[in-house]
């Protein structure tokens, strides 16, 4: 730890700075520097996955859950794909996952803060 007044390294166990004589404060000093650049995609809450790609996948291929696989929601993607496959043998049942995917795609595109399965915001 350094002295908060003159930035000289404090000696372990010492109650005063050997350079200026100041007593260290009880609270640890806070860093004074600020980051100079924006965080890289995929770091600090920003996903590398695209909001537009996820939304379009939901609109056009949402019936088979492609957008959920893309965002990492594997369980939901499997449920949509299974419902679609089962619906192939029952007329009209394919509409349920198709409408489900369409609605999710629109929600992704219109949402202010869509997130992937790790809770990171989409680009």
C-alpha atoms as a PDB file:
ATOM      1  CA  UNK A   1       0.000   0.000   0.000  1.00  0.00           C
ATOM      2  CA  UNK A   2       1.207   3.512  -0.787  1.00  0.00           C
ATOM      3  CA  UNK A   3       0.855   6.772   1.120  1.00  0.00           C
ATOM      4  CA  UNK A   4      -2.259   8.593  -0.089  1.00  0.00           C
ATOM      5  CA  UNK A   5      -0.455  11.964   0.102  1.00  0.00           C
ATOM      6  CA  UNK A   6       2.982  11.403  -1.442  1.00  0.00           C
ATOM      7  CA  UNK A   7       2.540   7.927  -3.031  1.00  0.00           C
ATOM      8  CA  UNK A   8       5.565   6.493  -1.224  1.00  0.00           C
ATOM      9  CA  UNK A   9       5.406   2.778  -0.392  1.00  0.00           C
ATOM     10  CA  UNK A  10       4.447   2.311   3.257  1.00  0.00           C
ATOM     11  CA  UNK A  11       6.545  -0.018   5.386  1.00  0.00           C
ATOM     12  CA  UNK A  12       4.617  -3.045   6.719  1.00  0.00           C
ATOM     13  CA  UNK A  13       3.526  -2.456  10.325  1.00  0.00           C
ATOM     14  CA  UNK A  14       4.434   1.245  10.270  1.00  0.00           C
ATOM     15  CA  UNK A  15       1.874   3.797  11.413  1.00  0.00           C
ATOM     16  CA  UNK A  16       3.460   6.727   9.528  1.00  0.00           C
ATOM     17  CA  UNK A  17       4.849   7.382   6.026  1.00  0.00           C
ATOM     18  CA  UNK A  18       8.649   7.387   6.043  1.00  0.00           C
ATOM     19  CA  UNK A  19       8.690  10.208   3.442  1.00  0.00           C
ATOM     20  CA  UNK A  20       6.088  12.768   4.579  1.00  0.00           C
ATOM     21  CA  UNK A  21       5.114  11.481   8.042  1.00  0.00           C
ATOM     22  CA  UNK A  22       1.390  11.228   7.275  1.00  0.00           C
ATOM     23  CA  UNK A  23      -0.651   8.578   9.037  1.00  0.00           C
ATOM     24  CA  UNK A  24      -2.471   6.192   6.664  1.00  0.00           C
ATOM     25  CA  UNK A  25      -6.251   6.494   6.716  1.00  0.00           C
ATOM     26  CA  UNK A  26      -8.383   3.672   8.085  1.00  0.00           C
ATOM     27  CA  UNK A  27     -10.228   3.157   4.787  1.00  0.00           C
ATOM     28  CA  UNK A  28      -8.234   1.836   1.875  1.00  0.00           C
ATOM     29  CA  UNK A  29      -7.668   4.517  -0.776  1.00  0.00           C
ATOM     30  CA  UNK A  30      -9.877   4.246  -3.848  1.00  0.00           C
ATOM     31  CA  UNK A  31      -8.271   4.020  -7.288  1.00  0.00           C
ATOM     32  CA  UNK A  32      -8.263   7.377  -9.040  1.00  0.00           C
ATOM     33  CA  UNK A  33      -7.853   6.213 -12.625  1.00  0.00           C
ATOM     34  CA  UNK A  34     -10.814   5.573 -14.926  1.00  0.00           C
ATOM     35  CA  UNK A  35     -10.862   3.150 -17.872  1.00  0.00           C
ATOM     36  CA  UNK A  36      -9.963   4.933 -21.097  1.00  0.00           C
ATOM     37  CA  UNK A  37     -11.885   2.663 -23.490  1.00  0.00           C
ATOM     38  CA  UNK A  38     -15.162   0.805 -23.700  1.00  0.00           C
ATOM     39  CA  UNK A  39     -15.191  -2.857 -22.670  1.00  0.00           C
ATOM     40  CA  UNK A  40     -14.691  -5.403 -25.410  1.00  0.00           C
ATOM     41  CA  UNK A  41     -17.741  -7.353 -26.663  1.00  0.00           C
ATOM     42  CA  UNK A  42     -18.356 -10.402 -24.530  1.00  0.00           C
ATOM     43  CA  UNK A  43     -16.879  -8.693 -21.466  1.00  0.00           C
ATOM     44  CA  UNK A  44     -18.581  -6.798 -18.625  1.00  0.00           C
ATOM     45  CA  UNK A  45     -22.166  -7.689 -19.532  1.00  0.00           C
ATOM     46  CA  UNK A  46     -22.110  -7.229 -23.318  1.00  0.00           C
ATOM     47  CA  UNK A  47     -22.676 -10.377 -25.354  1.00  0.00           C
ATOM     48  CA  UNK A  48     -20.933 -11.030 -28.654  1.00  0.00           C
ATOM     49  CA  UNK A  49     -24.293 -12.165 -30.055  1.00  0.00           C
ATOM     50  CA  UNK A  50     -26.374  -9.814 -32.187  1.00  0.00           C
ATOM     51  CA  UNK A  51     -29.854  -8.581 -31.278  1.00  0.00           C
ATOM     52  CA  UNK A  52     -30.790  -8.318 -34.967  1.00  0.00           C
ATOM     53  CA  UNK A  53     -29.610 -11.844 -35.797  1.00  0.00           C
ATOM     54  CA  UNK A  54     -31.469 -13.292 -32.796  1.00  0.00           C
ATOM     55  CA  UNK A  55     -34.670 -11.420 -33.674  1.00  0.00           C
ATOM     56  CA  UNK A  56     -34.606 -12.435 -37.334  1.00  0.00           C
ATOM     57  CA  UNK A  57     -33.890 -16.061 -36.418  1.00  0.00           C
ATOM     58  CA  UNK A  58     -36.919 -15.930 -34.103  1.00  0.00           C
ATOM     59  CA  UNK A  59     -39.156 -14.488 -36.812  1.00  0.00           C
ATOM     60  CA  UNK A  60     -38.091 -16.791 -39.658  1.00  0.00           C
ATOM     61  CA  UNK A  61     -36.897 -19.992 -37.911  1.00  0.00           C
ATOM     62  CA  UNK A  62     -38.427 -19.577 -34.453  1.00  0.00           C
ATOM     63  CA  UNK A  63     -40.818 -22.470 -34.994  1.00  0.00           C
ATOM     64  CA  UNK A  64     -37.916 -24.886 -34.598  1.00  0.00           C
ATOM     65  CA  UNK A  65     -36.227 -22.836 -31.832  1.00  0.00           C
ATOM     66  CA  UNK A  66     -33.127 -21.717 -33.743  1.00  0.00           C
ATOM     67  CA  UNK A  67     -33.048 -18.315 -32.017  1.00  0.00           C
ATOM     68  CA  UNK A  68     -33.092 -19.970 -28.587  1.00  0.00           C
ATOM     69  CA  UNK A  69     -30.182 -22.234 -29.510  1.00  0.00           C
ATOM     70  CA  UNK A  70     -28.324 -19.125 -30.792  1.00  0.00           C
ATOM     71  CA  UNK A  71     -28.879 -17.305 -27.474  1.00  0.00           C
ATOM     72  CA  UNK A  72     -27.966 -20.359 -25.381  1.00  0.00           C
ATOM     73  CA  UNK A  73     -31.478 -21.248 -24.171  1.00  0.00           C
ATOM     74  CA  UNK A  74     -31.039 -24.899 -25.146  1.00  0.00           C
ATOM     75  CA  UNK A  75     -33.945 -26.286 -23.137  1.00  0.00           C
ATOM     76  CA  UNK A  76     -36.433 -23.865 -24.653  1.00  0.00           C
ATOM     77  CA  UNK A  77     -35.002 -24.531 -28.123  1.00  0.00           C
ATOM     78  CA  UNK A  78     -35.416 -28.281 -27.678  1.00  0.00           C
ATOM     79  CA  UNK A  79     -39.016 -27.766 -26.491  1.00  0.00           C
ATOM     80  CA  UNK A  80     -39.862 -25.689 -29.590  1.00  0.00           C
ATOM     81  CA  UNK A  81     -38.174 -28.144 -31.947  1.00  0.00           C
ATOM     82  CA  UNK A  82     -39.899 -31.131 -30.313  1.00  0.00           C
ATOM     83  CA  UNK A  83     -43.285 -29.405 -30.479  1.00  0.00           C
ATOM     84  CA  UNK A  84     -42.694 -28.656 -34.154  1.00  0.00           C
ATOM     85  CA  UNK A  85     -41.737 -32.281 -34.937  1.00  0.00           C
ATOM     86  CA  UNK A  86     -44.741 -33.617 -33.015  1.00  0.00           C
ATOM     87  CA  UNK A  87     -46.891 -31.078 -34.835  1.00  0.00           C
ATOM     88  CA  UNK A  88     -45.897 -32.572 -38.182  1.00  0.00           C
ATOM     89  CA  UNK A  89     -48.140 -35.541 -37.396  1.00  0.00           C
ATOM     90  CA  UNK A  90     -51.007 -33.442 -36.003  1.00  0.00           C
ATOM     91  CA  UNK A  91     -52.358 -30.868 -38.466  1.00  0.00           C
ATOM     92  CA  UNK A  92     -52.251 -27.304 -37.180  1.00  0.00           C
ATOM     93  CA  UNK A  93     -50.060 -28.024 -34.159  1.00  0.00           C
ATOM     94  CA  UNK A  94     -47.003 -26.621 -35.997  1.00  0.00           C
ATOM     95  CA  UNK A  95     -48.576 -23.172 -35.702  1.00  0.00           C
ATOM     96  CA  UNK A  96     -48.005 -23.076 -31.932  1.00  0.00           C
ATOM     97  CA  UNK A  97     -44.172 -23.059 -32.009  1.00  0.00           C
ATOM     98  CA  UNK A  98     -44.211 -20.901 -35.162  1.00  0.00           C
ATOM     99  CA  UNK A  99     -46.283 -18.207 -33.454  1.00  0.00           C
ATOM    100  CA  UNK A 100     -44.197 -18.626 -30.291  1.00  0.00           C
ATOM    101  CA  UNK A 101     -40.981 -18.005 -32.267  1.00  0.00           C
ATOM    102  CA  UNK A 102     -42.495 -15.074 -34.184  1.00  0.00           C
ATOM    103  CA  UNK A 103     -43.561 -13.359 -30.966  1.00  0.00           C
ATOM    104  CA  UNK A 104     -40.163 -13.956 -29.316  1.00  0.00           C
ATOM    105  CA  UNK A 105     -38.375 -12.597 -32.401  1.00  0.00           C
ATOM    106  CA  UNK A 106     -40.451  -9.418 -32.315  1.00  0.00           C
ATOM    107  CA  UNK A 107     -39.866  -9.046 -28.573  1.00  0.00           C
ATOM    108  CA  UNK A 108     -36.103  -9.427 -29.045  1.00  0.00           C
ATOM    109  CA  UNK A 109     -36.044  -6.782 -31.799  1.00  0.00           C
ATOM    110  CA  UNK A 110     -38.203  -4.273 -29.918  1.00  0.00           C
ATOM    111  CA  UNK A 111     -36.770  -4.777 -26.427  1.00  0.00           C
ATOM    112  CA  UNK A 112     -34.385  -2.170 -25.019  1.00  0.00           C
ATOM    113  CA  UNK A 113     -32.297  -4.740 -23.174  1.00  0.00           C
ATOM    114  CA  UNK A 114     -32.539  -8.262 -24.646  1.00  0.00           C
ATOM    115  CA  UNK A 115     -30.206 -10.740 -22.958  1.00  0.00           C
ATOM    116  CA  UNK A 116     -28.640 -14.095 -23.764  1.00  0.00           C
ATOM    117  CA  UNK A 117     -28.669 -17.152 -21.483  1.00  0.00           C
ATOM    118  CA  UNK A 118     -25.755 -15.752 -19.428  1.00  0.00           C
ATOM    119  CA  UNK A 119     -27.610 -12.509 -18.729  1.00  0.00           C
ATOM    120  CA  UNK A 120     -25.406 -10.418 -21.015  1.00  0.00           C
ATOM    121  CA  UNK A 121     -26.929  -7.698 -23.165  1.00  0.00           C
ATOM    122  CA  UNK A 122     -27.034  -8.392 -26.908  1.00  0.00           C
ATOM    123  CA  UNK A 123     -25.062  -6.137 -29.271  1.00  0.00           C
END
